[in-house]
Amino acid sequence: MHAIMSWEEVPLFDREEAEAAFWAENRPDLRLMESSVATSAESSESVTITLRIDPRMLARIKRLARSRYLNYQSMIKQWLSERMEQELRER
């Protein structure tokens, strides 16, 4: 069984059968799962924002989050955090 080290390794699935076959052969690495879960210290202060997203894009995001057993809002925050860190490292 292959351990997934990054969420980018998980493809978008067009069929449930393809998704089931993928997860039968792969599993998320424990560190990846731990990084996906916000600790109480990280989420102690948050600000609510409004973000308009195309309904089709939101549906795809929700489907992708479900396939990773994540809340879609948490996944979006994780993506933003990862991208911010990447941008800061590239400076």
Protein backbone atom coordinates (compact mmCIF):
# COMPACT_ATOMS: atom_id res chain seq x y z
CA MET A 1 0.00 0.00 0.00
CA HIS A 2 1.36 3.40 -1.02
CA ALA A 3 1.35 6.27 1.50
CA ILE A 4 0.16 9.60 0.10
CA MET A 5 2.52 12.35 1.28
CA SER A 6 0.68 15.31 -0.32
CA TRP A 7 -2.95 15.95 -1.23
CA GLU A 8 -1.74 16.85 -4.72
CA GLU A 9 -1.06 13.14 -5.25
CA VAL A 10 -4.80 12.43 -5.04
CA PRO A 11 -6.40 12.81 -8.46
CA LEU A 12 -9.87 14.14 -9.15
CA PHE A 13 -12.14 11.19 -9.81
CA ASP A 14 -14.86 11.08 -12.43
CA ARG A 15 -16.32 7.79 -11.18
CA GLU A 16 -16.78 6.25 -7.76
CA GLU A 17 -15.21 3.02 -9.03
CA ALA A 18 -11.98 4.85 -9.90
CA GLU A 19 -11.95 6.50 -6.48
CA ALA A 20 -12.53 3.17 -4.70
CA ALA A 21 -9.72 1.54 -6.70
CA PHE A 22 -7.36 4.39 -5.83
CA TRP A 23 -8.07 4.21 -2.09
CA ALA A 24 -7.77 0.43 -2.12
CA GLU A 25 -4.11 0.89 -3.15
CA ASN A 26 -3.26 4.14 -1.32
CA ARG A 27 -3.62 5.69 2.12
CA PRO A 28 -2.86 9.15 3.52
CA ASP A 29 0.37 9.40 5.50
CA LEU A 30 -0.24 10.00 9.21
CA ARG A 31 1.67 13.32 9.11
CA LEU A 32 -0.54 14.48 6.25
CA MET A 33 -3.66 13.63 8.21
CA GLU A 34 -2.32 15.38 11.32
CA SER A 35 -1.50 18.52 9.33
CA SER A 36 -5.08 18.55 8.02
CA VAL A 37 -6.60 18.74 11.47
CA ALA A 38 -6.52 22.20 13.03
CA THR A 39 -5.53 22.25 16.67
CA SER A 40 -7.46 24.36 19.15
CA ALA A 41 -4.53 26.81 19.38
CA GLU A 42 -4.58 27.37 15.62
CA SER A 43 -8.32 27.90 15.46
CA SER A 44 -8.75 29.90 18.67
CA GLU A 45 -9.18 33.14 16.73
CA SER A 46 -10.81 33.28 13.36
CA VAL A 47 -12.55 35.86 11.25
CA THR A 48 -15.56 35.13 9.10
CA ILE A 49 -15.25 36.25 5.49
CA THR A 50 -17.51 36.07 2.47
CA LEU A 51 -16.08 34.53 -0.67
CA ARG A 52 -18.05 34.12 -3.87
CA ILE A 53 -17.27 30.91 -5.75
CA ASP A 54 -18.75 29.47 -8.90
CA PRO A 55 -21.28 26.78 -7.87
CA ARG A 56 -19.63 24.15 -10.08
CA MET A 57 -16.24 24.84 -8.53
CA LEU A 58 -17.71 24.62 -5.03
CA ALA A 59 -19.37 21.31 -5.90
CA ARG A 60 -16.01 19.94 -7.08
CA ILE A 61 -14.28 21.21 -3.93
CA LYS A 62 -16.93 19.57 -1.72
CA ARG A 63 -16.63 16.29 -3.63
CA LEU A 64 -12.86 16.36 -3.31
CA ALA A 65 -13.07 17.16 0.41
CA ARG A 66 -15.50 14.30 0.97
CA SER A 67 -13.13 11.91 -0.77
CA ARG A 68 -10.46 12.97 1.76
CA TYR A 69 -12.83 12.79 4.73
CA LEU A 70 -12.44 16.52 5.34
CA ASN A 71 -14.78 19.42 5.81
CA TYR A 72 -14.57 21.49 2.61
CA GLN A 73 -13.98 24.74 4.52
CA SER A 74 -11.11 23.16 6.45
CA MET A 75 -9.62 21.86 3.22
CA ILE A 76 -9.79 25.33 1.64
CA LYS A 77 -8.06 26.81 4.71
CA GLN A 78 -5.40 24.11 4.47
CA TRP A 79 -4.84 24.90 0.79
CA LEU A 80 -4.53 28.62 1.55
CA SER A 81 -2.10 27.93 4.37
CA GLU A 82 0.04 25.61 2.22
CA ARG A 83 0.13 28.11 -0.64
CA MET A 84 1.00 30.98 1.69
CA GLU A 85 3.93 28.98 3.09
CA GLN A 86 5.06 28.14 -0.44
CA GLU A 87 4.90 31.80 -1.49
CA LEU A 88 6.88 32.87 1.59
CA ARG A 89 9.56 30.23 0.97
CA GLU A 90 9.99 31.35 -2.64
CA ARG A 91 10.72 34.96 -1.67
